[in-house]
C-alpha atoms as a PDB file:
ATOM      1  CA  VAL A   1      10.225  -1.942  14.301  1.00  0.00           C
ATOM      2  CA  GLN A   2       6.776  -4.033  15.265  1.00  0.00           C
ATOM      3  CA  LEU A   3       3.668  -3.772  13.355  1.00  0.00           C
ATOM      4  CA  VAL A   4       0.619  -5.796  14.830  1.00  0.00           C
ATOM      5  CA  GLU A   5      -2.018  -5.819  13.158  1.00  0.00           C
ATOM      6  CA  SER A   6      -5.925  -7.059  15.069  1.00  0.00           C
ATOM      7  CA  GLY A   7      -9.223  -6.271  14.251  1.00  0.00           C
ATOM      8  CA  GLY A   8     -10.245  -8.748  11.304  1.00  0.00           C
ATOM      9  CA  GLY A   9     -12.805 -11.149  11.462  1.00  0.00           C
ATOM     10  CA  LEU A  10     -15.685 -12.349   9.572  1.00  0.00           C
ATOM     11  CA  VAL A  11     -18.792 -10.135   7.583  1.00  0.00           C
ATOM     12  CA  GLN A  12     -21.358  -9.987   6.354  1.00  0.00           C
ATOM     13  CA  PRO A  13     -21.861  -7.977   3.144  1.00  0.00           C
ATOM     14  CA  GLY A  14     -22.330  -4.584   3.398  1.00  0.00           C
ATOM     15  CA  GLY A  15     -21.194  -4.917   6.513  1.00  0.00           C
ATOM     16  CA  SER A  16     -18.375  -2.920   8.407  1.00  0.00           C
ATOM     17  CA  LEU A  17     -15.053  -3.774   9.815  1.00  0.00           C
ATOM     18  CA  THR A  18     -12.136  -1.575  12.142  1.00  0.00           C
ATOM     19  CA  LEU A  19      -9.078  -2.323  11.453  1.00  0.00           C
ATOM     20  CA  SER A  20      -6.087  -0.993  14.005  1.00  0.00           C
ATOM     21  CA  CYS A  21      -2.029  -1.766  13.535  1.00  0.00           C
ATOM     22  CA  SER A  22       0.117  -0.855  16.992  1.00  0.00           C
ATOM     23  CA  ALA A  23       3.013   0.197  16.458  1.00  0.00           C
ATOM     24  CA  SER A  24       6.842   0.551  18.434  1.00  0.00           C
ATOM     25  CA  GLY A  25      10.288   0.378  17.577  1.00  0.00           C
ATOM     26  CA  PHE A  26      10.403   3.505  15.767  1.00  0.00           C
ATOM     27  CA  THR A  27       9.139   7.378  16.091  1.00  0.00           C
ATOM     28  CA  PHE A  28       5.887   6.361  14.371  1.00  0.00           C
ATOM     29  CA  SER A  29       4.977  10.057  14.300  1.00  0.00           C
ATOM     30  CA  THR A  30       8.091  10.682  12.098  1.00  0.00           C
ATOM     31  CA  TRP A  31       6.553   8.695   9.227  1.00  0.00           C
ATOM     32  CA  ALA A  32       3.985   7.314   6.447  1.00  0.00           C
ATOM     33  CA  MET A  33       1.798   5.041   6.983  1.00  0.00           C
ATOM     34  CA  TYR A  34      -0.122   2.138   4.563  1.00  0.00           C
ATOM     35  CA  TRP A  35      -2.624  -0.648   5.149  1.00  0.00           C
ATOM     36  CA  TYR A  36      -1.884  -3.073   1.782  1.00  0.00           C
ATOM     37  CA  ARG A  37      -4.190  -6.522   0.948  1.00  0.00           C
ATOM     38  CA  GLN A  38      -3.939 -10.002  -0.228  1.00  0.00           C
ATOM     39  CA  ALA A  39      -6.346 -12.096  -1.658  1.00  0.00           C
ATOM     40  CA  PRO A  40      -6.330 -15.572  -2.544  1.00  0.00           C
ATOM     41  CA  GLY A  41      -4.565 -16.637  -5.601  1.00  0.00           C
ATOM     42  CA  LYS A  42      -3.051 -12.870  -6.232  1.00  0.00           C
ATOM     43  CA  GLU A  43      -0.206  -9.866  -5.550  1.00  0.00           C
ATOM     44  CA  ARG A  44      -0.730  -7.742  -2.690  1.00  0.00           C
ATOM     45  CA  GLU A  45      -1.852  -4.510  -3.072  1.00  0.00           C
ATOM     46  CA  TRP A  46      -1.713  -0.890  -1.979  1.00  0.00           C
ATOM     47  CA  VAL A  47      -4.925  -0.433  -0.168  1.00  0.00           C
ATOM     48  CA  ALA A  48      -4.542   3.203   1.555  1.00  0.00           C
ATOM     49  CA  ARG A  49      -1.594   6.095   2.825  1.00  0.00           C
ATOM     50  CA  ILE A  50      -1.394   8.286   5.876  1.00  0.00           C
ATOM     51  CA  SER A  51       1.421  11.484   5.960  1.00  0.00           C
ATOM     52  CA  ASN A  52       3.018  11.220   9.555  1.00  0.00           C
ATOM     53  CA  ALA A  53       0.834  13.422  10.891  1.00  0.00           C
ATOM     54  CA  GLY A  54      -1.878  12.220   9.057  1.00  0.00           C
ATOM     55  CA  THR A  55      -3.311  15.830   7.511  1.00  0.00           C
ATOM     56  CA  THR A  56      -2.796  13.885   3.573  1.00  0.00           C
ATOM     57  CA  THR A  57      -4.640  10.012   2.742  1.00  0.00           C
ATOM     58  CA  ALA A  58      -5.114   8.552  -0.525  1.00  0.00           C
ATOM     59  CA  TYR A  59      -6.747   5.639  -1.132  1.00  0.00           C
ATOM     60  CA  GLN A  60      -6.683   2.474  -3.739  1.00  0.00           C
ATOM     61  CA  ASP A  61      -9.699   3.651  -6.290  1.00  0.00           C
ATOM     62  CA  SER A  62     -12.090   0.417  -5.630  1.00  0.00           C
ATOM     63  CA  VAL A  63     -12.106   1.069  -1.945  1.00  0.00           C
ATOM     64  CA  LYS A  64     -12.164   4.942  -2.169  1.00  0.00           C
ATOM     65  CA  GLY A  65     -15.443   6.226  -0.245  1.00  0.00           C
ATOM     66  CA  ARG A  66     -15.936   3.366   1.781  1.00  0.00           C
ATOM     67  CA  PHE A  67     -12.656   3.262   3.707  1.00  0.00           C
ATOM     68  CA  THR A  68     -11.332   5.542   5.944  1.00  0.00           C
ATOM     69  CA  ILE A  69      -7.358   5.585   6.457  1.00  0.00           C
ATOM     70  CA  SER A  70      -6.554   6.851   9.893  1.00  0.00           C
ATOM     71  CA  ARG A  71      -3.754   7.784  12.729  1.00  0.00           C
ATOM     72  CA  ASP A  72      -2.900   8.351  16.499  1.00  0.00           C
ATOM     73  CA  ASN A  73       0.603   8.638  17.088  1.00  0.00           C
ATOM     74  CA  ALA A  74       0.118   9.313  20.923  1.00  0.00           C
ATOM     75  CA  LYS A  75      -1.471   5.736  20.639  1.00  0.00           C
ATOM     76  CA  ASN A  76       1.311   4.653  18.221  1.00  0.00           C
ATOM     77  CA  THR A  77      -1.842   2.951  16.225  1.00  0.00           C
ATOM     78  CA  VAL A  78      -2.745   3.749  12.856  1.00  0.00           C
ATOM     79  CA  TYR A  79      -6.770   2.380  11.310  1.00  0.00           C
ATOM     80  CA  LEU A  80      -8.595   1.180   8.905  1.00  0.00           C
ATOM     81  CA  GLN A  81     -12.553   1.794   9.004  1.00  0.00           C
ATOM     82  CA  MET A  82     -14.146  -0.069   6.744  1.00  0.00           C
ATOM     83  CA  ASN A  83     -17.914  -0.240   6.083  1.00  0.00           C
ATOM     84  CA  SER A  84     -20.357  -1.252   2.594  1.00  0.00           C
ATOM     85  CA  LEU A  85     -17.951  -4.460   3.162  1.00  0.00           C
ATOM     86  CA  LYS A  86     -18.092  -6.177  -0.885  1.00  0.00           C
ATOM     87  CA  PRO A  87     -16.735 -10.447  -1.311  1.00  0.00           C
ATOM     88  CA  GLU A  88     -13.966  -8.675  -3.286  1.00  0.00           C
ATOM     89  CA  ASP A  89     -12.629  -6.819  -0.446  1.00  0.00           C
ATOM     90  CA  THR A  90     -11.759 -11.043   1.228  1.00  0.00           C
ATOM     91  CA  ALA A  91      -8.174 -10.383   2.043  1.00  0.00           C
ATOM     92  CA  VAL A  92      -5.201 -10.225   4.241  1.00  0.00           C
ATOM     93  CA  TYR A  93      -5.023  -6.875   5.400  1.00  0.00           C
ATOM     94  CA  TYR A  94      -1.504  -5.715   7.006  1.00  0.00           C
ATOM     95  CA  CYS A  95       0.360  -2.571   8.126  1.00  0.00           C
ATOM     96  CA  TYR A  96       3.402  -1.283   6.751  1.00  0.00           C
ATOM     97  CA  THR A  97       6.115   1.469   6.528  1.00  0.00           C
ATOM     98  CA  VAL A  98       9.471   2.247   5.370  1.00  0.00           C
ATOM     99  CA  VAL A  99      11.686   4.018   7.850  1.00  0.00           C
ATOM    100  CA  ARG A 100      15.753   5.187   6.488  1.00  0.00           C
ATOM    101  CA  GLY A 101      14.689   2.865   3.399  1.00  0.00           C
ATOM    102  CA  THR A 102      14.001  -0.157   5.420  1.00  0.00           C
ATOM    103  CA  ASP A 103      10.558  -1.832   4.792  1.00  0.00           C
ATOM    104  CA  TYR A 104       8.352  -3.484   7.581  1.00  0.00           C
ATOM    105  CA  TRP A 105       5.313  -5.193   7.285  1.00  0.00           C
ATOM    106  CA  GLY A 106       3.260  -6.501  10.066  1.00  0.00           C
ATOM    107  CA  GLN A 107       1.770 -10.247  10.088  1.00  0.00           C
ATOM    108  CA  GLY A 108      -1.553  -9.527   8.380  1.00  0.00           C
ATOM    109  CA  THR A 109      -5.325 -10.035   9.480  1.00  0.00           C
ATOM    110  CA  GLN A 110      -7.840 -12.436   7.857  1.00  0.00           C
ATOM    111  CA  VAL A 111     -11.100  -9.978   6.575  1.00  0.00           C
ATOM    112  CA  THR A 112     -13.993 -12.065   5.423  1.00  0.00           C
ATOM    113  CA  VAL A 113     -16.541 -11.402   3.394  1.00  0.00           C
ATOM    114  CA  SER A 114     -18.668 -13.790   2.925  1.00  0.00           C
ATOM    115  CA  SER A 115     -23.262 -14.118   3.722  1.00  0.00           C
END
């Protein structure tokens, strides 16, 4: 199993970014996918979840209405569209899944929100 994130970068407050996570090594359409993030000096926290078919999503309260998780099972890719970004969204963002009871993490992509 391999998860590879991309799309991070530096953005001004109020701006937008879209993260992508390309998955391989497992049947992508079978498993739920997640985004987590870890800010400097803080523990890693859950951000969003999407069901295997993409029909159900869930979000941490602090990102509701601003972030949207989606997936394209034909491309084995999950996305995180982030709008109205705030400085407190600055973190390394990780793609995550659990396949047959085993955790898998991507390497992370840095998102920095600063003027």
